[in-house]
C-alpha atoms as a PDB file:
ATOM      1  CA  MET A   1     144.002  11.579 114.026  1.00  0.00           C
ATOM      2  CA  ILE A   2     145.246  13.553 117.028  1.00  0.00           C
ATOM      3  CA  PHE A   3     142.823  11.703 119.332  1.00  0.00           C
ATOM      4  CA  SER A   4     143.600   8.200 118.096  1.00  0.00           C
ATOM      5  CA  GLU A   5     144.206   6.969 121.670  1.00  0.00           C
ATOM      6  CA  LEU A   6     140.639   7.817 122.654  1.00  0.00           C
ATOM      7  CA  LYS A   7     137.831   5.298 122.371  1.00  0.00           C
ATOM      8  CA  GLU A   8     135.491   5.922 119.464  1.00  0.00           C
ATOM      9  CA  GLY A   9     131.808   5.749 120.434  1.00  0.00           C
ATOM     10  CA  SER A  10     128.940   3.902 118.781  1.00  0.00           C
ATOM     11  CA  ILE A  11     127.333   6.964 117.170  1.00  0.00           C
ATOM     12  CA  SER A  12     128.047   7.404 113.481  1.00  0.00           C
ATOM     13  CA  LEU A  13     127.792  10.962 112.200  1.00  0.00           C
ATOM     14  CA  ARG A  14     126.427  11.880 108.793  1.00  0.00           C
ATOM     15  CA  TYR A  15     129.419  14.078 108.008  1.00  0.00           C
ATOM     16  CA  GLY A  16     131.698  16.666 109.591  1.00  0.00           C
ATOM     17  CA  GLU A  17     131.359  20.401 109.911  1.00  0.00           C
ATOM     18  CA  ASN A  18     131.048  20.459 106.109  1.00  0.00           C
ATOM     19  CA  PRO A  19     129.746  17.656 103.842  1.00  0.00           C
ATOM     20  CA  HIS A  20     133.204  16.889 102.379  1.00  0.00           C
ATOM     21  CA  GLU A  21     134.655  16.279 105.881  1.00  0.00           C
ATOM     22  CA  LYS A  22     134.460  13.209 108.106  1.00  0.00           C
ATOM     23  CA  ALA A  23     133.565  13.374 111.793  1.00  0.00           C
ATOM     24  CA  TRP A  24     133.945  11.097 114.807  1.00  0.00           C
ATOM     25  CA  VAL A  25     132.449  10.823 118.267  1.00  0.00           C
ATOM     26  CA  TYR A  26     134.726   9.631 121.077  1.00  0.00           C
ATOM     27  CA  GLY A  27     132.938   8.267 124.092  1.00  0.00           C
ATOM     28  CA  GLU A  28     129.193   7.771 124.445  1.00  0.00           C
ATOM     29  CA  PRO A  29     127.067  10.949 124.469  1.00  0.00           C
ATOM     30  CA  ALA A  30     124.596  11.027 127.362  1.00  0.00           C
ATOM     31  CA  PHE A  31     121.336  10.898 125.434  1.00  0.00           C
ATOM     32  CA  GLN A  32     118.770   8.646 123.796  1.00  0.00           C
ATOM     33  CA  LEU A  33     118.269   9.190 120.090  1.00  0.00           C
ATOM     34  CA  LEU A  34     114.585   8.329 119.734  1.00  0.00           C
ATOM     35  CA  HIS A  35     114.269   9.109 116.039  1.00  0.00           C
ATOM     36  CA  GLU A  36     116.592   9.924 113.156  1.00  0.00           C
ATOM     37  CA  GLY A  37     114.556  11.184 110.228  1.00  0.00           C
ATOM     38  CA  ARG A  38     117.980  11.726 108.703  1.00  0.00           C
ATOM     39  CA  ARG A  39     121.305  10.565 110.147  1.00  0.00           C
ATOM     40  CA  ILE A  40     122.575  12.977 112.786  1.00  0.00           C
ATOM     41  CA  SER A  41     125.540  15.174 111.875  1.00  0.00           C
ATOM     42  CA  TYR A  42     128.452  16.824 113.664  1.00  0.00           C
ATOM     43  CA  ASN A  43     126.664  20.191 113.605  1.00  0.00           C
ATOM     44  CA  ASN A  44     123.393  18.653 114.857  1.00  0.00           C
ATOM     45  CA  LEU A  45     125.176  17.176 117.858  1.00  0.00           C
ATOM     46  CA  LEU A  46     126.957  20.394 118.864  1.00  0.00           C
ATOM     47  CA  ASP A  47     123.860  22.529 118.294  1.00  0.00           C
ATOM     48  CA  ALA A  48     121.660  20.147 120.293  1.00  0.00           C
ATOM     49  CA  ASP A  49     124.067  20.257 123.243  1.00  0.00           C
ATOM     50  CA  ALA A  50     124.242  24.064 123.105  1.00  0.00           C
ATOM     51  CA  ALA A  51     120.448  24.373 123.012  1.00  0.00           C
ATOM     52  CA  TRP A  52     119.935  21.874 125.824  1.00  0.00           C
ATOM     53  CA  ALA A  53     122.369  23.733 128.088  1.00  0.00           C
ATOM     54  CA  VAL A  54     120.299  26.919 127.778  1.00  0.00           C
ATOM     55  CA  ALA A  55     117.002  25.035 128.182  1.00  0.00           C
ATOM     56  CA  GLN A  56     118.299  23.451 131.379  1.00  0.00           C
ATOM     57  CA  HIS A  57     119.232  26.868 132.754  1.00  0.00           C
ATOM     58  CA  LEU A  58     115.701  28.108 132.071  1.00  0.00           C
ATOM     59  CA  LYS A  59     114.456  25.718 134.757  1.00  0.00           C
ATOM     60  CA  ASP A  60     115.833  28.212 137.283  1.00  0.00           C
ATOM     61  CA  ILE A  61     113.434  30.838 135.901  1.00  0.00           C
ATOM     62  CA  ALA A  62     110.149  29.209 134.870  1.00  0.00           C
ATOM     63  CA  PRO A  63     108.584  25.746 134.360  1.00  0.00           C
ATOM     64  CA  PHE A  64     108.041  26.340 130.643  1.00  0.00           C
ATOM     65  CA  GLY A  65     111.078  27.532 128.713  1.00  0.00           C
ATOM     66  CA  ALA A  66     112.147  27.005 125.103  1.00  0.00           C
ATOM     67  CA  VAL A  67     115.209  27.741 122.981  1.00  0.00           C
ATOM     68  CA  ALA A  68     115.437  27.972 119.209  1.00  0.00           C
ATOM     69  CA  LEU A  69     119.095  27.753 118.185  1.00  0.00           C
ATOM     70  CA  LYS A  70     121.286  27.777 115.094  1.00  0.00           C
ATOM     71  CA  HIS A  71     125.073  27.441 114.771  1.00  0.00           C
ATOM     72  CA  GLN A  72     125.494  27.012 118.546  1.00  0.00           C
ATOM     73  CA  THR A  73     123.928  30.345 119.427  1.00  0.00           C
ATOM     74  CA  PRO A  74     120.300  31.152 120.266  1.00  0.00           C
ATOM     75  CA  CYS A  75     117.880  32.618 117.728  1.00  0.00           C
ATOM     76  CA  GLY A  76     115.136  32.948 120.315  1.00  0.00           C
ATOM     77  CA  VAL A  77     114.722  32.174 124.017  1.00  0.00           C
ATOM     78  CA  ALA A  78     111.416  32.441 125.848  1.00  0.00           C
ATOM     79  CA  VAL A  79     109.505  31.505 128.976  1.00  0.00           C
ATOM     80  CA  ALA A  80     105.717  31.422 129.118  1.00  0.00           C
ATOM     81  CA  ASP A  81     102.677  30.235 131.056  1.00  0.00           C
ATOM     82  CA  THR A  82     102.148  27.220 128.752  1.00  0.00           C
ATOM     83  CA  PRO A  83     104.486  24.888 126.806  1.00  0.00           C
ATOM     84  CA  GLU A  84     102.859  25.782 123.500  1.00  0.00           C
ATOM     85  CA  GLU A  85     103.316  29.502 124.073  1.00  0.00           C
ATOM     86  CA  ALA A  86     106.958  29.050 125.089  1.00  0.00           C
ATOM     87  CA  VAL A  87     107.710  27.180 121.841  1.00  0.00           C
ATOM     88  CA  ARG A  88     105.827  29.677 119.706  1.00  0.00           C
ATOM     89  CA  LYS A  89     107.557  32.665 121.296  1.00  0.00           C
ATOM     90  CA  ALA A  90     111.031  31.118 121.006  1.00  0.00           C
ATOM     91  CA  ILE A  91     110.594  30.279 117.317  1.00  0.00           C
ATOM     92  CA  ASP A  92     108.835  33.525 116.385  1.00  0.00           C
ATOM     93  CA  ALA A  93     111.526  35.608 118.118  1.00  0.00           C
ATOM     94  CA  ASP A  94     113.610  35.135 114.946  1.00  0.00           C
ATOM     95  CA  ALA A  95     111.584  32.868 112.682  1.00  0.00           C
ATOM     96  CA  GLU A  96     113.894  33.400 109.714  1.00  0.00           C
ATOM     97  CA  SER A  97     116.955  32.133 111.599  1.00  0.00           C
ATOM     98  CA  ALA A  98     115.038  29.371 113.397  1.00  0.00           C
ATOM     99  CA  TYR A  99     114.244  27.621 110.104  1.00  0.00           C
ATOM    100  CA  GLY A 100     116.245  24.393 109.955  1.00  0.00           C
ATOM    101  CA  GLY A 101     117.472  24.919 113.490  1.00  0.00           C
ATOM    102  CA  ILE A 102     117.279  23.178 116.840  1.00  0.00           C
ATOM    103  CA  LEU A 103     114.526  23.424 119.430  1.00  0.00           C
ATOM    104  CA  ALA A 104     115.186  22.536 123.075  1.00  0.00           C
ATOM    105  CA  VAL A 105     112.632  22.701 125.875  1.00  0.00           C
ATOM    106  CA  ASN A 106     112.668  22.116 129.626  1.00  0.00           C
ATOM    107  CA  PHE A 107     109.319  20.275 129.755  1.00  0.00           C
ATOM    108  CA  PRO A 108     107.776  17.054 128.369  1.00  0.00           C
ATOM    109  CA  PHE A 109     107.056  17.294 124.627  1.00  0.00           C
ATOM    110  CA  THR A 110     103.395  16.443 124.029  1.00  0.00           C
ATOM    111  CA  LEU A 111     101.324  16.048 120.871  1.00  0.00           C
ATOM    112  CA  SER A 112      99.785  19.457 121.530  1.00  0.00           C
ATOM    113  CA  VAL A 113     103.263  21.031 121.600  1.00  0.00           C
ATOM    114  CA  ALA A 114     104.311  19.133 118.465  1.00  0.00           C
ATOM    115  CA  LYS A 115     101.297  20.497 116.576  1.00  0.00           C
ATOM    116  CA  SER A 116     101.738  24.043 117.875  1.00  0.00           C
ATOM    117  CA  TYR A 117     104.497  25.047 115.424  1.00  0.00           C
ATOM    118  CA  LYS A 118     104.930  24.730 111.645  1.00  0.00           C
ATOM    119  CA  LYS A 119     108.616  25.594 111.298  1.00  0.00           C
ATOM    120  CA  TYR A 120     111.013  22.980 109.849  1.00  0.00           C
ATOM    121  CA  LEU A 121     113.451  21.863 112.563  1.00  0.00           C
ATOM    122  CA  GLU A 122     116.532  19.638 112.358  1.00  0.00           C
ATOM    123  CA  VAL A 123     116.527  18.480 115.995  1.00  0.00           C
ATOM    124  CA  ILE A 124     114.189  18.619 118.995  1.00  0.00           C
ATOM    125  CA  VAL A 125     115.639  18.084 122.470  1.00  0.00           C
ATOM    126  CA  ALA A 126     113.345  17.495 125.446  1.00  0.00           C
ATOM    127  CA  PRO A 127     113.439  15.688 128.808  1.00  0.00           C
ATOM    128  CA  GLU A 128     110.796  13.310 127.423  1.00  0.00           C
ATOM    129  CA  PHE A 129     108.375  12.828 124.526  1.00  0.00           C
ATOM    130  CA  THR A 130     104.895  11.376 124.929  1.00  0.00           C
ATOM    131  CA  GLU A 131     103.997   8.349 122.773  1.00  0.00           C
ATOM    132  CA  GLU A 132     101.477  10.455 120.845  1.00  0.00           C
ATOM    133  CA  ALA A 133     104.098  13.112 120.128  1.00  0.00           C
ATOM    134  CA  LEU A 134     106.590  10.456 119.010  1.00  0.00           C
ATOM    135  CA  ALA A 135     104.092   8.889 116.614  1.00  0.00           C
ATOM    136  CA  TYR A 136     103.409  12.304 115.097  1.00  0.00           C
ATOM    137  CA  LEU A 137     107.040  13.438 114.879  1.00  0.00           C
ATOM    138  CA  ARG A 138     108.388  10.158 113.502  1.00  0.00           C
ATOM    139  CA  LYS A 139     106.669  11.027 110.228  1.00  0.00           C
ATOM    140  CA  LYS A 140     109.028  13.997 109.889  1.00  0.00           C
ATOM    141  CA  LYS A 141     112.725  14.352 108.986  1.00  0.00           C
ATOM    142  CA  VAL A 142     113.710  15.424 112.481  1.00  0.00           C
ATOM    143  CA  ARG A 143     116.049  14.014 115.117  1.00  0.00           C
ATOM    144  CA  LEU A 144     114.533  13.528 118.564  1.00  0.00           C
ATOM    145  CA  ILE A 145     116.883  13.552 121.559  1.00  0.00           C
ATOM    146  CA  VAL A 146     116.263  12.861 125.241  1.00  0.00           C
ATOM    147  CA  PRO A 147     119.372  13.755 127.276  1.00  0.00           C
ATOM    148  CA  SER A 148     120.442  11.879 130.389  1.00  0.00           C
ATOM    149  CA  ARG A 149     122.285  13.480 133.275  1.00  0.00           C
ATOM    150  CA  TYR A 150     125.821  14.648 132.541  1.00  0.00           C
ATOM    151  CA  ASP A 151     128.291  17.321 133.594  1.00  0.00           C
ATOM    152  CA  ALA A 152     128.414  20.193 131.125  1.00  0.00           C
ATOM    153  CA  PHE A 153     131.766  21.109 129.598  1.00  0.00           C
ATOM    154  CA  VAL A 154     132.963  23.234 126.727  1.00  0.00           C
ATOM    155  CA  GLY A 155     136.102  22.582 124.719  1.00  0.00           C
ATOM    156  CA  LYS A 156     137.901  22.581 121.396  1.00  0.00           C
ATOM    157  CA  PRO A 157     140.963  21.032 119.790  1.00  0.00           C
ATOM    158  CA  ALA A 158     143.989  23.342 119.956  1.00  0.00           C
ATOM    159  CA  PHE A 159     147.603  22.626 118.960  1.00  0.00           C
ATOM    160  CA  GLY A 160     146.943  18.896 118.754  1.00  0.00           C
ATOM    161  CA  ALA A 161     145.383  18.746 122.221  1.00  0.00           C
ATOM    162  CA  LEU A 162     141.855  18.951 123.565  1.00  0.00           C
ATOM    163  CA  VAL A 163     141.227  22.044 125.699  1.00  0.00           C
ATOM    164  CA  VAL A 164     138.259  21.610 128.065  1.00  0.00           C
ATOM    165  CA  SER A 165     136.539  23.942 130.531  1.00  0.00           C
ATOM    166  CA  GLU A 166     133.720  23.522 133.005  1.00  0.00           C
ATOM    167  CA  ARG A 167     130.432  25.143 132.029  1.00  0.00           C
ATOM    168  CA  ILE A 168     128.705  26.633 135.069  1.00  0.00           C
ATOM    169  CA  LEU A 169     125.968  29.256 135.090  1.00  0.00           C
ATOM    170  CA  PRO A 170     126.685  31.657 137.965  1.00  0.00           C
ATOM    171  CA  PRO A 171     123.867  32.458 140.417  1.00  0.00           C
ATOM    172  CA  LEU A 172     121.245  34.736 138.888  1.00  0.00           C
ATOM    173  CA  GLU A 173     121.739  37.317 141.622  1.00  0.00           C
ATOM    174  CA  PHE A 174     122.129  40.915 140.533  1.00  0.00           C
ATOM    175  CA  GLN A 175     123.057  44.049 142.474  1.00  0.00           C
ATOM    176  CA  LEU A 176     121.514  47.434 141.710  1.00  0.00           C
ATOM    177  CA  GLN A 177     124.257  49.938 140.866  1.00  0.00           C
ATOM    178  CA  VAL A 178     122.410  52.837 139.226  1.00  0.00           C
ATOM    179  CA  GLY A 179     118.711  53.739 139.021  1.00  0.00           C
ATOM    180  CA  LYS A 180     115.601  52.517 140.821  1.00  0.00           C
ATOM    181  CA  PRO A 181     114.652  48.903 141.687  1.00  0.00           C
ATOM    182  CA  ILE A 182     112.658  47.143 138.970  1.00  0.00           C
ATOM    183  CA  SER A 183     109.398  45.156 139.100  1.00  0.00           C
ATOM    184  CA  ASP A 184     109.239  41.358 139.404  1.00  0.00           C
ATOM    185  CA  ASP A 185     108.293  41.035 135.718  1.00  0.00           C
ATOM    186  CA  VAL A 186     111.381  42.981 134.688  1.00  0.00           C
ATOM    187  CA  VAL A 187     113.526  40.905 137.063  1.00  0.00           C
ATOM    188  CA  MET A 188     112.242  37.849 135.159  1.00  0.00           C
ATOM    189  CA  ASP A 189     113.293  39.466 131.879  1.00  0.00           C
ATOM    190  CA  MET A 190     116.710  40.272 133.351  1.00  0.00           C
ATOM    191  CA  LYS A 191     117.251  36.659 134.397  1.00  0.00           C
ATOM    192  CA  LEU A 192     116.114  35.427 131.003  1.00  0.00           C
ATOM    193  CA  ALA A 193     118.477  37.848 129.270  1.00  0.00           C
ATOM    194  CA  TYR A 194     121.430  36.619 131.321  1.00  0.00           C
ATOM    195  CA  VAL A 195     120.637  32.953 130.701  1.00  0.00           C
ATOM    196  CA  ALA A 196     120.347  33.685 126.985  1.00  0.00           C
ATOM    197  CA  VAL A 197     123.549  35.720 126.801  1.00  0.00           C
ATOM    198  CA  GLU A 198     125.433  32.875 128.548  1.00  0.00           C
ATOM    199  CA  GLY A 199     124.382  30.649 125.655  1.00  0.00           C
ATOM    200  CA  ALA A 200     125.420  33.093 122.933  1.00  0.00           C
ATOM    201  CA  LYS A 201     128.858  33.388 121.388  1.00  0.00           C
ATOM    202  CA  SER A 202     131.009  36.171 122.822  1.00  0.00           C
ATOM    203  CA  ASN A 203     131.058  39.086 122.531  1.00  0.00           C
ATOM    204  CA  ALA A 204     127.314  38.989 123.123  1.00  0.00           C
ATOM    205  CA  ILE A 205     124.474  41.379 123.897  1.00  0.00           C
ATOM    206  CA  VAL A 206     120.911  40.039 124.351  1.00  0.00           C
ATOM    207  CA  ILE A 207     117.775  42.182 124.596  1.00  0.00           C
ATOM    208  CA  VAL A 208     114.616  40.791 126.233  1.00  0.00           C
ATOM    209  CA  LYS A 209     111.102  42.157 126.538  1.00  0.00           C
ATOM    210  CA  ASN A 210     107.973  40.448 127.882  1.00  0.00           C
ATOM    211  CA  SER A 211     109.743  37.121 128.534  1.00  0.00           C
ATOM    212  CA  VAL A 212     111.256  36.633 125.076  1.00  0.00           C
ATOM    213  CA  THR A 213     114.443  37.690 123.322  1.00  0.00           C
ATOM    214  CA  VAL A 214     113.886  40.479 120.798  1.00  0.00           C
ATOM    215  CA  GLY A 215     117.477  41.154 119.718  1.00  0.00           C
ATOM    216  CA  ILE A 216     120.656  39.053 119.908  1.00  0.00           C
ATOM    217  CA  GLY A 217     124.047  40.421 118.902  1.00  0.00           C
ATOM    218  CA  THR A 218     126.628  37.660 119.050  1.00  0.00           C
ATOM    219  CA  GLY A 219     130.057  36.448 117.996  1.00  0.00           C
ATOM    220  CA  GLN A 220     131.580  39.890 117.442  1.00  0.00           C
ATOM    221  CA  PRO A 221     135.126  40.989 118.344  1.00  0.00           C
ATOM    222  CA  SER A 222     133.626  44.329 119.466  1.00  0.00           C
ATOM    223  CA  ARG A 223     131.000  44.605 122.227  1.00  0.00           C
ATOM    224  CA  LYS A 224     129.875  47.900 120.694  1.00  0.00           C
ATOM    225  CA  ARG A 225     129.180  46.072 117.425  1.00  0.00           C
ATOM    226  CA  SER A 226     127.203  43.368 119.255  1.00  0.00           C
ATOM    227  CA  ALA A 227     125.083  46.116 120.867  1.00  0.00           C
ATOM    228  CA  TRP A 228     124.440  47.635 117.444  1.00  0.00           C
ATOM    229  CA  ILE A 229     123.351  44.274 115.986  1.00  0.00           C
ATOM    230  CA  ALA A 230     121.088  43.498 118.945  1.00  0.00           C
ATOM    231  CA  THR A 231     119.373  46.899 118.852  1.00  0.00           C
ATOM    232  CA  THR A 232     119.024  46.805 115.063  1.00  0.00           C
ATOM    233  CA  LEU A 233     117.278  43.433 115.262  1.00  0.00           C
ATOM    234  CA  ALA A 234     115.097  44.559 118.166  1.00  0.00           C
ATOM    235  CA  GLY A 235     113.949  47.769 116.478  1.00  0.00           C
ATOM    236  CA  ASP A 236     111.052  49.386 118.333  1.00  0.00           C
ATOM    237  CA  LYS A 237     110.864  46.395 120.691  1.00  0.00           C
ATOM    238  CA  ALA A 238     114.005  47.704 122.403  1.00  0.00           C
ATOM    239  CA  HIS A 239     111.972  50.494 124.016  1.00  0.00           C
ATOM    240  CA  GLY A 240     111.642  49.732 127.725  1.00  0.00           C
ATOM    241  CA  ALA A 241     113.498  46.426 127.316  1.00  0.00           C
ATOM    242  CA  VAL A 242     116.271  44.736 129.311  1.00  0.00           C
ATOM    243  CA  ALA A 243     119.733  44.118 127.851  1.00  0.00           C
ATOM    244  CA  ALA A 244     122.373  41.695 129.135  1.00  0.00           C
ATOM    245  CA  SER A 245     126.066  41.722 128.314  1.00  0.00           C
ATOM    246  CA  ASP A 246     128.167  38.574 128.761  1.00  0.00           C
ATOM    247  CA  ALA A 247     131.100  40.632 130.108  1.00  0.00           C
ATOM    248  CA  PHE A 248     131.822  44.133 131.346  1.00  0.00           C
ATOM    249  CA  PHE A 249     131.569  47.210 129.136  1.00  0.00           C
ATOM    250  CA  PRO A 250     135.156  48.353 128.529  1.00  0.00           C
ATOM    251  CA  PHE A 251     133.853  51.750 127.377  1.00  0.00           C
ATOM    252  CA  PRO A 252     130.483  53.527 127.650  1.00  0.00           C
ATOM    253  CA  ASP A 253     129.913  53.376 123.861  1.00  0.00           C
ATOM    254  CA  GLY A 254     128.027  50.055 123.885  1.00  0.00           C
ATOM    255  CA  LEU A 255     125.818  51.365 126.676  1.00  0.00           C
ATOM    256  CA  GLU A 256     125.117  54.500 124.651  1.00  0.00           C
ATOM    257  CA  ILE A 257     123.909  52.415 121.702  1.00  0.00           C
ATOM    258  CA  LEU A 258     121.517  50.509 123.970  1.00  0.00           C
ATOM    259  CA  ALA A 259     120.187  53.724 125.511  1.00  0.00           C
ATOM    260  CA  GLU A 260     119.675  55.348 122.112  1.00  0.00           C
ATOM    261  CA  ALA A 261     117.544  52.337 121.090  1.00  0.00           C
ATOM    262  CA  GLY A 262     115.366  52.773 124.180  1.00  0.00           C
ATOM    263  CA  VAL A 263     116.702  50.016 126.451  1.00  0.00           C
ATOM    264  CA  SER A 264     115.884  50.954 130.048  1.00  0.00           C
ATOM    265  CA  VAL A 265     117.638  48.231 132.091  1.00  0.00           C
ATOM    266  CA  VAL A 266     121.100  46.740 131.612  1.00  0.00           C
ATOM    267  CA  VAL A 267     122.731  43.844 133.451  1.00  0.00           C
ATOM    268  CA  ALA A 268     126.434  43.117 133.097  1.00  0.00           C
ATOM    269  CA  PRO A 269     129.377  42.102 135.248  1.00  0.00           C
ATOM    270  CA  LEU A 270     131.786  44.752 136.413  1.00  0.00           C
ATOM    271  CA  GLY A 271     135.579  44.499 136.327  1.00  0.00           C
ATOM    272  CA  SER A 272     136.716  47.165 133.892  1.00  0.00           C
ATOM    273  CA  LYS A 273     139.073  49.932 134.976  1.00  0.00           C
ATOM    274  CA  ARG A 274     136.408  52.229 133.530  1.00  0.00           C
ATOM    275  CA  ASP A 275     133.515  50.838 135.636  1.00  0.00           C
ATOM    276  CA  ASN A 276     132.968  54.197 137.322  1.00  0.00           C
ATOM    277  CA  GLU A 277     132.867  55.936 133.954  1.00  0.00           C
ATOM    278  CA  VAL A 278     130.389  53.371 132.599  1.00  0.00           C
ATOM    279  CA  LEU A 279     128.110  53.607 135.652  1.00  0.00           C
ATOM    280  CA  LYS A 280     128.211  57.404 135.586  1.00  0.00           C
ATOM    281  CA  ARG A 281     127.210  57.342 131.915  1.00  0.00           C
ATOM    282  CA  ALA A 282     124.374  54.914 132.695  1.00  0.00           C
ATOM    283  CA  GLU A 283     123.054  57.383 135.261  1.00  0.00           C
ATOM    284  CA  GLU A 284     123.305  60.242 132.753  1.00  0.00           C
ATOM    285  CA  LEU A 285     121.439  58.177 130.162  1.00  0.00           C
ATOM    286  CA  GLY A 286     118.674  57.223 132.605  1.00  0.00           C
ATOM    287  CA  ILE A 287     119.532  53.521 132.472  1.00  0.00           C
ATOM    288  CA  THR A 288     118.970  51.275 135.460  1.00  0.00           C
ATOM    289  CA  PHE A 289     122.165  49.227 135.767  1.00  0.00           C
ATOM    290  CA  TYR A 290     122.480  45.934 137.646  1.00  0.00           C
ATOM    291  CA  SER A 291     125.788  44.131 138.105  1.00  0.00           C
ATOM    292  CA  ALA A 292     126.082  40.364 137.613  1.00  0.00           C
ATOM    293  CA  SER A 293     128.299  38.176 139.769  1.00  0.00           C
ATOM    294  CA  SER A 294     130.452  36.864 136.926  1.00  0.00           C
ATOM    295  CA  ARG A 295     131.101  37.123 133.210  1.00  0.00           C
ATOM    296  CA  VAL A 296     129.732  34.342 131.004  1.00  0.00           C
ATOM    297  CA  PHE A 297     131.952  34.282 127.904  1.00  0.00           C
ATOM    298  CA  ARG A 298     131.317  31.435 125.454  1.00  0.00           C
ATOM    299  CA  HIS A 299     133.762  31.154 122.551  1.00  0.00           C
END
């Protein structure tokens, strides 16, 4: 083992990334495992952390936010006026992908919330669970996690070493570059899109409408391809929607795909040598373009 000098923690994982592989936890993860309907696995642990990071960021937007996640990237992210609606919207955003996934929320998990969805989930992460919710959920094959406070990092083994980076969401402050100022509701969608795209695997494009993700293109080597996936998934829901990119557009082509699908607002960091070309094309396409303060790559 390349990390044999590190102290192995007390958590025993079901198996590694695949069932024929072993897995280890070094150190003590900062959470309480309230219920293990089935022993927690390597993938469960990484997915739960990824979902919780996005759920925590949603606190900056609204009191009730939820994230459905699979393979360390969101399937659906939503904010709503009630906890039950937030969970429903997040799961229904991509119900097919959410099956067997992870749900993380930024509010206490009550019995009413637990009964508000029917989808099979592997893990639920929440700041707390009520006793009634616990009694109900302990009858299911689900892992229940309550995180404690910890500093967020990202990292991976590379060349026999562990490479680690801070994970910090930049301020959700955007500057209008092209077009007219947008309404408060659309500003909410823009913030939600940027929080969601920070949690997706790069290259990533996320489309949001009415406080829920409607199309997520993620993990592609081409930003243009991510835009195509996001708009294809969104379909007609892309009309009048907001799109966020986790880094600058190196060419106008990704922007053109979003415009063709009907997206009306785009938020992305600048920094390309073709920024002026991209912004000029946004103006020609009738897109309102806001710049973000920083890129939010996640590999």
